[in-house]
Amino acid sequence: MSKAHRGKGIRELVSRGRGACPVCKRTNVKILYEQDAGGAKVTICKTCKAAIKHGKKTIANA
């Protein structure tokens, strides 16, 4: 089967969801995951979301 609708939800976002992650400072990565940072919503990359979940990183680094 074809994958015609893969990525359809991010096509409307600015730069198709790509930018600089505020935690790891990597550029041109998909920043699609919302995380709570002191009452404010911050969008971060997939690897930082996993690292925060496992306690290896904190959003205070941002």
PDB file of N, CA and C in Angstrom:
ATOM      1  N   MET A   1       0.837  -1.195   0.000  1.00  0.00           N
ATOM      2  CA  MET A   1       0.000   0.000   0.000  1.00  0.00           C
ATOM      3  C   MET A   1       0.875   1.249   0.000  1.00  0.00           C
ATOM      4  N   SER A   2       0.362   2.287  -0.622  1.00  0.00           N
ATOM      5  CA  SER A   2       1.126   3.525  -0.675  1.00  0.00           C
ATOM      6  C   SER A   2       0.984   4.300   0.626  1.00  0.00           C
ATOM      7  N   LYS A   3       1.886   5.226   0.839  1.00  0.00           N
ATOM      8  CA  LYS A   3       1.886   6.047   2.047  1.00  0.00           C
ATOM      9  C   LYS A   3       1.592   7.497   1.649  1.00  0.00           C
ATOM     10  N   ALA A   4       0.451   7.727   1.031  1.00  0.00           N
ATOM     11  CA  ALA A   4       0.122   9.032   0.462  1.00  0.00           C
ATOM     12  C   ALA A   4      -0.107  10.106   1.520  1.00  0.00           C
ATOM     13  N   HIS A   5      -0.519   9.728   2.714  1.00  0.00           N
ATOM     14  CA  HIS A   5      -0.865  10.723   3.714  1.00  0.00           C
ATOM     15  C   HIS A   5       0.211  10.882   4.793  1.00  0.00           C
ATOM     16  N   ARG A   6       1.357  10.322   4.604  1.00  0.00           N
ATOM     17  CA  ARG A   6       2.425  10.427   5.598  1.00  0.00           C
ATOM     18  C   ARG A   6       2.950  11.863   5.639  1.00  0.00           C
ATOM     19  N   GLY A   7       2.947  12.471   6.815  1.00  0.00           N
ATOM     20  CA  GLY A   7       3.430  13.834   6.962  1.00  0.00           C
ATOM     21  C   GLY A   7       2.415  14.887   6.580  1.00  0.00           C
ATOM     22  N   LYS A   8       1.162  14.511   6.341  1.00  0.00           N
ATOM     23  CA  LYS A   8       0.160  15.467   5.897  1.00  0.00           C
ATOM     24  C   LYS A   8      -0.110  16.534   6.955  1.00  0.00           C
ATOM     25  N   GLY A   9      -0.052  16.166   8.221  1.00  0.00           N
ATOM     26  CA  GLY A   9      -0.363  17.104   9.296  1.00  0.00           C
ATOM     27  C   GLY A   9       0.668  18.192   9.510  1.00  0.00           C
ATOM     28  N   ILE A  10       1.890  17.975   9.059  1.00  0.00           N
ATOM     29  CA  ILE A  10       2.926  18.987   9.285  1.00  0.00           C
ATOM     30  C   ILE A  10       3.150  19.885   8.072  1.00  0.00           C
ATOM     31  N   ARG A  11       2.456  19.645   6.990  1.00  0.00           N
ATOM     32  CA  ARG A  11       2.640  20.478   5.799  1.00  0.00           C
ATOM     33  C   ARG A  11       2.133  21.899   5.993  1.00  0.00           C
ATOM     34  N   GLU A  12       1.174  22.079   6.911  1.00  0.00           N
ATOM     35  CA  GLU A  12       0.627  23.409   7.154  1.00  0.00           C
ATOM     36  C   GLU A  12       1.502  24.228   8.097  1.00  0.00           C
ATOM     37  N   LEU A  13       2.416  23.585   8.824  1.00  0.00           N
ATOM     38  CA  LEU A  13       3.263  24.289   9.783  1.00  0.00           C
ATOM     39  C   LEU A  13       4.337  25.104   9.071  1.00  0.00           C
ATOM     40  N   VAL A  14       4.862  26.084   9.770  1.00  0.00           N
ATOM     41  CA  VAL A  14       5.935  26.909   9.222  1.00  0.00           C
ATOM     42  C   VAL A  14       7.166  26.034   9.001  1.00  0.00           C
ATOM     43  N   SER A  15       7.757  26.111   7.855  1.00  0.00           N
ATOM     44  CA  SER A  15       8.923  25.309   7.463  1.00  0.00           C
ATOM     45  C   SER A  15       8.674  23.818   7.619  1.00  0.00           C
ATOM     46  N   ARG A  16       7.415  23.424   7.503  1.00  0.00           N
ATOM     47  CA  ARG A  16       6.991  22.024   7.626  1.00  0.00           C
ATOM     48  C   ARG A  16       7.433  21.389   8.936  1.00  0.00           C
ATOM     49  N   GLY A  17       7.380  22.185  10.012  1.00  0.00           N
ATOM     50  CA  GLY A  17       7.676  21.677  11.341  1.00  0.00           C
ATOM     51  C   GLY A  17       9.149  21.630  11.693  1.00  0.00           C
ATOM     52  N   ARG A  18       9.988  22.194  10.873  1.00  0.00           N
ATOM     53  CA  ARG A  18      11.430  22.149  11.130  1.00  0.00           C
ATOM     54  C   ARG A  18      11.911  23.467  11.718  1.00  0.00           C
ATOM     55  N   GLY A  19      12.931  23.363  12.546  1.00  0.00           N
ATOM     56  CA  GLY A  19      13.503  24.547  13.171  1.00  0.00           C
ATOM     57  C   GLY A  19      14.617  24.142  14.118  1.00  0.00           C
ATOM     58  N   ALA A  20      14.917  25.027  15.087  1.00  0.00           N
ATOM     59  CA  ALA A  20      15.971  24.762  16.062  1.00  0.00           C
ATOM     60  C   ALA A  20      15.335  24.342  17.384  1.00  0.00           C
ATOM     61  N   CYS A  21      15.803  23.256  17.944  1.00  0.00           N
ATOM     62  CA  CYS A  21      15.302  22.768  19.229  1.00  0.00           C
ATOM     63  C   CYS A  21      15.880  23.642  20.337  1.00  0.00           C
ATOM     64  N   PRO A  22      15.041  24.140  21.248  1.00  0.00           N
ATOM     65  CA  PRO A  22      15.555  25.009  22.310  1.00  0.00           C
ATOM     66  C   PRO A  22      16.351  24.262  23.381  1.00  0.00           C
ATOM     67  N   VAL A  23      16.255  22.949  23.441  1.00  0.00           N
ATOM     68  CA  VAL A  23      16.960  22.182  24.478  1.00  0.00           C
ATOM     69  C   VAL A  23      18.354  21.791  24.002  1.00  0.00           C
ATOM     70  N   CYS A  24      18.436  21.136  22.844  1.00  0.00           N
ATOM     71  CA  CYS A  24      19.736  20.645  22.366  1.00  0.00           C
ATOM     72  C   CYS A  24      20.397  21.587  21.361  1.00  0.00           C
ATOM     73  N   LYS A  25      19.693  22.612  20.930  1.00  0.00           N
ATOM     74  CA  LYS A  25      20.209  23.631  20.005  1.00  0.00           C
ATOM     75  C   LYS A  25      20.544  23.097  18.621  1.00  0.00           C
ATOM     76  N   ARG A  26      20.036  21.914  18.266  1.00  0.00           N
ATOM     77  CA  ARG A  26      20.239  21.403  16.909  1.00  0.00           C
ATOM     78  C   ARG A  26      19.337  22.155  15.959  1.00  0.00           C
ATOM     79  N   THR A  27      19.796  22.387  14.750  1.00  0.00           N
ATOM     80  CA  THR A  27      19.020  23.138  13.771  1.00  0.00           C
ATOM     81  C   THR A  27      18.482  22.204  12.697  1.00  0.00           C
ATOM     82  N   ASN A  28      17.412  22.642  12.055  1.00  0.00           N
ATOM     83  CA  ASN A  28      16.765  21.938  10.948  1.00  0.00           C
ATOM     84  C   ASN A  28      16.293  20.539  11.332  1.00  0.00           C
ATOM     85  N   VAL A  29      15.760  20.394  12.542  1.00  0.00           N
ATOM     86  CA  VAL A  29      15.150  19.144  12.978  1.00  0.00           C
ATOM     87  C   VAL A  29      13.669  19.392  13.178  1.00  0.00           C
ATOM     88  N   LYS A  30      12.883  18.339  13.138  1.00  0.00           N
ATOM     89  CA  LYS A  30      11.444  18.486  13.356  1.00  0.00           C
ATOM     90  C   LYS A  30      11.191  18.772  14.831  1.00  0.00           C
ATOM     91  N   ILE A  31      10.529  19.880  15.110  1.00  0.00           N
ATOM     92  CA  ILE A  31      10.190  20.240  16.485  1.00  0.00           C
ATOM     93  C   ILE A  31       8.675  20.180  16.611  1.00  0.00           C
ATOM     94  N   LEU A  32       8.181  18.988  16.900  1.00  0.00           N
ATOM     95  CA  LEU A  32       6.748  18.730  16.871  1.00  0.00           C
ATOM     96  C   LEU A  32       6.160  18.387  18.225  1.00  0.00           C
ATOM     97  N   TYR A  33       6.974  18.205  19.231  1.00  0.00           N
ATOM     98  CA  TYR A  33       6.496  17.693  20.505  1.00  0.00           C
ATOM     99  C   TYR A  33       6.389  18.813  21.528  1.00  0.00           C
ATOM    100  N   GLU A  34       5.175  19.041  22.044  1.00  0.00           N
ATOM    101  CA  GLU A  34       4.954  20.095  23.028  1.00  0.00           C
ATOM    102  C   GLU A  34       5.306  19.583  24.416  1.00  0.00           C
ATOM    103  N   GLN A  35       6.003  20.404  25.178  1.00  0.00           N
ATOM    104  CA  GLN A  35       6.391  20.056  26.530  1.00  0.00           C
ATOM    105  C   GLN A  35       6.126  21.269  27.416  1.00  0.00           C
ATOM    106  N   ASP A  36       5.758  21.027  28.667  1.00  0.00           N
ATOM    107  CA  ASP A  36       5.477  22.099  29.609  1.00  0.00           C
ATOM    108  C   ASP A  36       6.778  22.568  30.243  1.00  0.00           C
ATOM    109  N   ALA A  37       7.053  23.868  30.163  1.00  0.00           N
ATOM    110  CA  ALA A  37       8.280  24.421  30.732  1.00  0.00           C
ATOM    111  C   ALA A  37       7.931  25.602  31.623  1.00  0.00           C
ATOM    112  N   GLY A  38       7.617  25.335  32.871  1.00  0.00           N
ATOM    113  CA  GLY A  38       7.305  26.407  33.807  1.00  0.00           C
ATOM    114  C   GLY A  38       6.027  27.139  33.463  1.00  0.00           C
ATOM    115  N   GLY A  39       5.026  26.430  33.008  1.00  0.00           N
ATOM    116  CA  GLY A  39       3.752  27.039  32.658  1.00  0.00           C
ATOM    117  C   GLY A  39       3.637  27.459  31.205  1.00  0.00           C
ATOM    118  N   ALA A  40       4.716  27.424  30.456  1.00  0.00           N
ATOM    119  CA  ALA A  40       4.693  27.783  29.042  1.00  0.00           C
ATOM    120  C   ALA A  40       4.890  26.528  28.193  1.00  0.00           C
ATOM    121  N   LYS A  41       4.239  26.487  27.053  1.00  0.00           N
ATOM    122  CA  LYS A  41       4.387  25.357  26.134  1.00  0.00           C
ATOM    123  C   LYS A  41       5.597  25.608  25.234  1.00  0.00           C
ATOM    124  N   VAL A  42       6.472  24.622  25.156  1.00  0.00           N
ATOM    125  CA  VAL A  42       7.663  24.699  24.324  1.00  0.00           C
ATOM    126  C   VAL A  42       7.635  23.501  23.393  1.00  0.00           C
ATOM    127  N   THR A  43       7.948  23.703  22.123  1.00  0.00           N
ATOM    128  CA  THR A  43       8.021  22.590  21.187  1.00  0.00           C
ATOM    129  C   THR A  43       9.472  22.149  21.073  1.00  0.00           C
ATOM    130  N   ILE A  44       9.694  20.832  21.201  1.00  0.00           N
ATOM    131  CA  ILE A  44      11.044  20.279  21.199  1.00  0.00           C
ATOM    132  C   ILE A  44      11.117  19.120  20.207  1.00  0.00           C
ATOM    133  N   CYS A  45      12.345  18.639  19.968  1.00  0.00           N
ATOM    134  CA  CYS A  45      12.537  17.536  19.024  1.00  0.00           C
ATOM    135  C   CYS A  45      12.256  16.192  19.696  1.00  0.00           C
ATOM    136  N   LYS A  46      12.226  15.158  18.907  1.00  0.00           N
ATOM    137  CA  LYS A  46      11.872  13.816  19.367  1.00  0.00           C
ATOM    138  C   LYS A  46      12.906  13.258  20.348  1.00  0.00           C
ATOM    139  N   THR A  47      14.195  13.458  20.080  1.00  0.00           N
ATOM    140  CA  THR A  47      15.223  12.905  20.961  1.00  0.00           C
ATOM    141  C   THR A  47      15.233  13.594  22.321  1.00  0.00           C
ATOM    142  N   CYS A  48      14.984  14.891  22.351  1.00  0.00           N
ATOM    143  CA  CYS A  48      14.927  15.606  23.629  1.00  0.00           C
ATOM    144  C   CYS A  48      13.691  15.207  24.422  1.00  0.00           C
ATOM    145  N   LYS A  49      12.592  14.947  23.745  1.00  0.00           N
ATOM    146  CA  LYS A  49      11.386  14.494  24.435  1.00  0.00           C
ATOM    147  C   LYS A  49      11.642  13.161  25.126  1.00  0.00           C
ATOM    148  N   ALA A  50      12.316  12.254  24.444  1.00  0.00           N
ATOM    149  CA  ALA A  50      12.632  10.953  25.031  1.00  0.00           C
ATOM    150  C   ALA A  50      13.616  11.096  26.186  1.00  0.00           C
ATOM    151  N   ALA A  51      14.610  11.978  26.039  1.00  0.00           N
ATOM    152  CA  ALA A  51      15.599  12.175  27.097  1.00  0.00           C
ATOM    153  C   ALA A  51      14.960  12.794  28.336  1.00  0.00           C
ATOM    154  N   ILE A  52      14.020  13.709  28.156  1.00  0.00           N
ATOM    155  CA  ILE A  52      13.314  14.317  29.285  1.00  0.00           C
ATOM    156  C   ILE A  52      12.442  13.279  29.977  1.00  0.00           C
ATOM    157  N   LYS A  53      11.804  12.436  29.191  1.00  0.00           N
ATOM    158  CA  LYS A  53      10.949  11.388  29.750  1.00  0.00           C
ATOM    159  C   LYS A  53      11.741  10.417  30.624  1.00  0.00           C
ATOM    160  N   HIS A  54      12.964  10.103  30.210  1.00  0.00           N
ATOM    161  CA  HIS A  54      13.797   9.158  30.950  1.00  0.00           C
ATOM    162  C   HIS A  54      14.673   9.829  32.004  1.00  0.00           C
ATOM    163  N   GLY A  55      14.557  11.152  32.156  1.00  0.00           N
ATOM    164  CA  GLY A  55      15.280  11.867  33.200  1.00  0.00           C
ATOM    165  C   GLY A  55      16.722  12.218  32.875  1.00  0.00           C
ATOM    166  N   LYS A  56      17.097  12.155  31.604  1.00  0.00           N
ATOM    167  CA  LYS A  56      18.472  12.453  31.232  1.00  0.00           C
ATOM    168  C   LYS A  56      18.701  13.928  30.924  1.00  0.00           C
ATOM    169  N   LYS A  57      17.641  14.641  30.566  1.00  0.00           N
ATOM    170  CA  LYS A  57      17.717  16.073  30.283  1.00  0.00           C
ATOM    171  C   LYS A  57      16.571  16.779  30.988  1.00  0.00           C
ATOM    172  N   THR A  58      16.718  18.085  31.136  1.00  0.00           N
ATOM    173  CA  THR A  58      15.653  18.912  31.662  1.00  0.00           C
ATOM    174  C   THR A  58      15.429  20.079  30.723  1.00  0.00           C
ATOM    175  N   ILE A  59      14.248  20.659  30.789  1.00  0.00           N
ATOM    176  CA  ILE A  59      13.950  21.814  29.936  1.00  0.00           C
ATOM    177  C   ILE A  59      14.608  23.065  30.484  1.00  0.00           C
ATOM    178  N   ALA A  60      15.093  23.037  31.700  1.00  0.00           N
ATOM    179  CA  ALA A  60      15.782  24.183  32.269  1.00  0.00           C
ATOM    180  C   ALA A  60      17.037  24.530  31.476  1.00  0.00           C
ATOM    181  N   ASN A  61      17.520  23.600  30.662  1.00  0.00           N
ATOM    182  CA  ASN A  61      18.683  23.861  29.802  1.00  0.00           C
ATOM    183  C   ASN A  61      18.358  24.873  28.719  1.00  0.00           C
ATOM    184  N   ALA A  62      17.072  25.054  28.418  1.00  0.00           N
ATOM    185  CA  ALA A  62      16.658  25.920  27.300  1.00  0.00           C
ATOM    186  C   ALA A  62      16.787  27.379  27.650  1.00  0.00           C
TER     187      ALA A  62
END
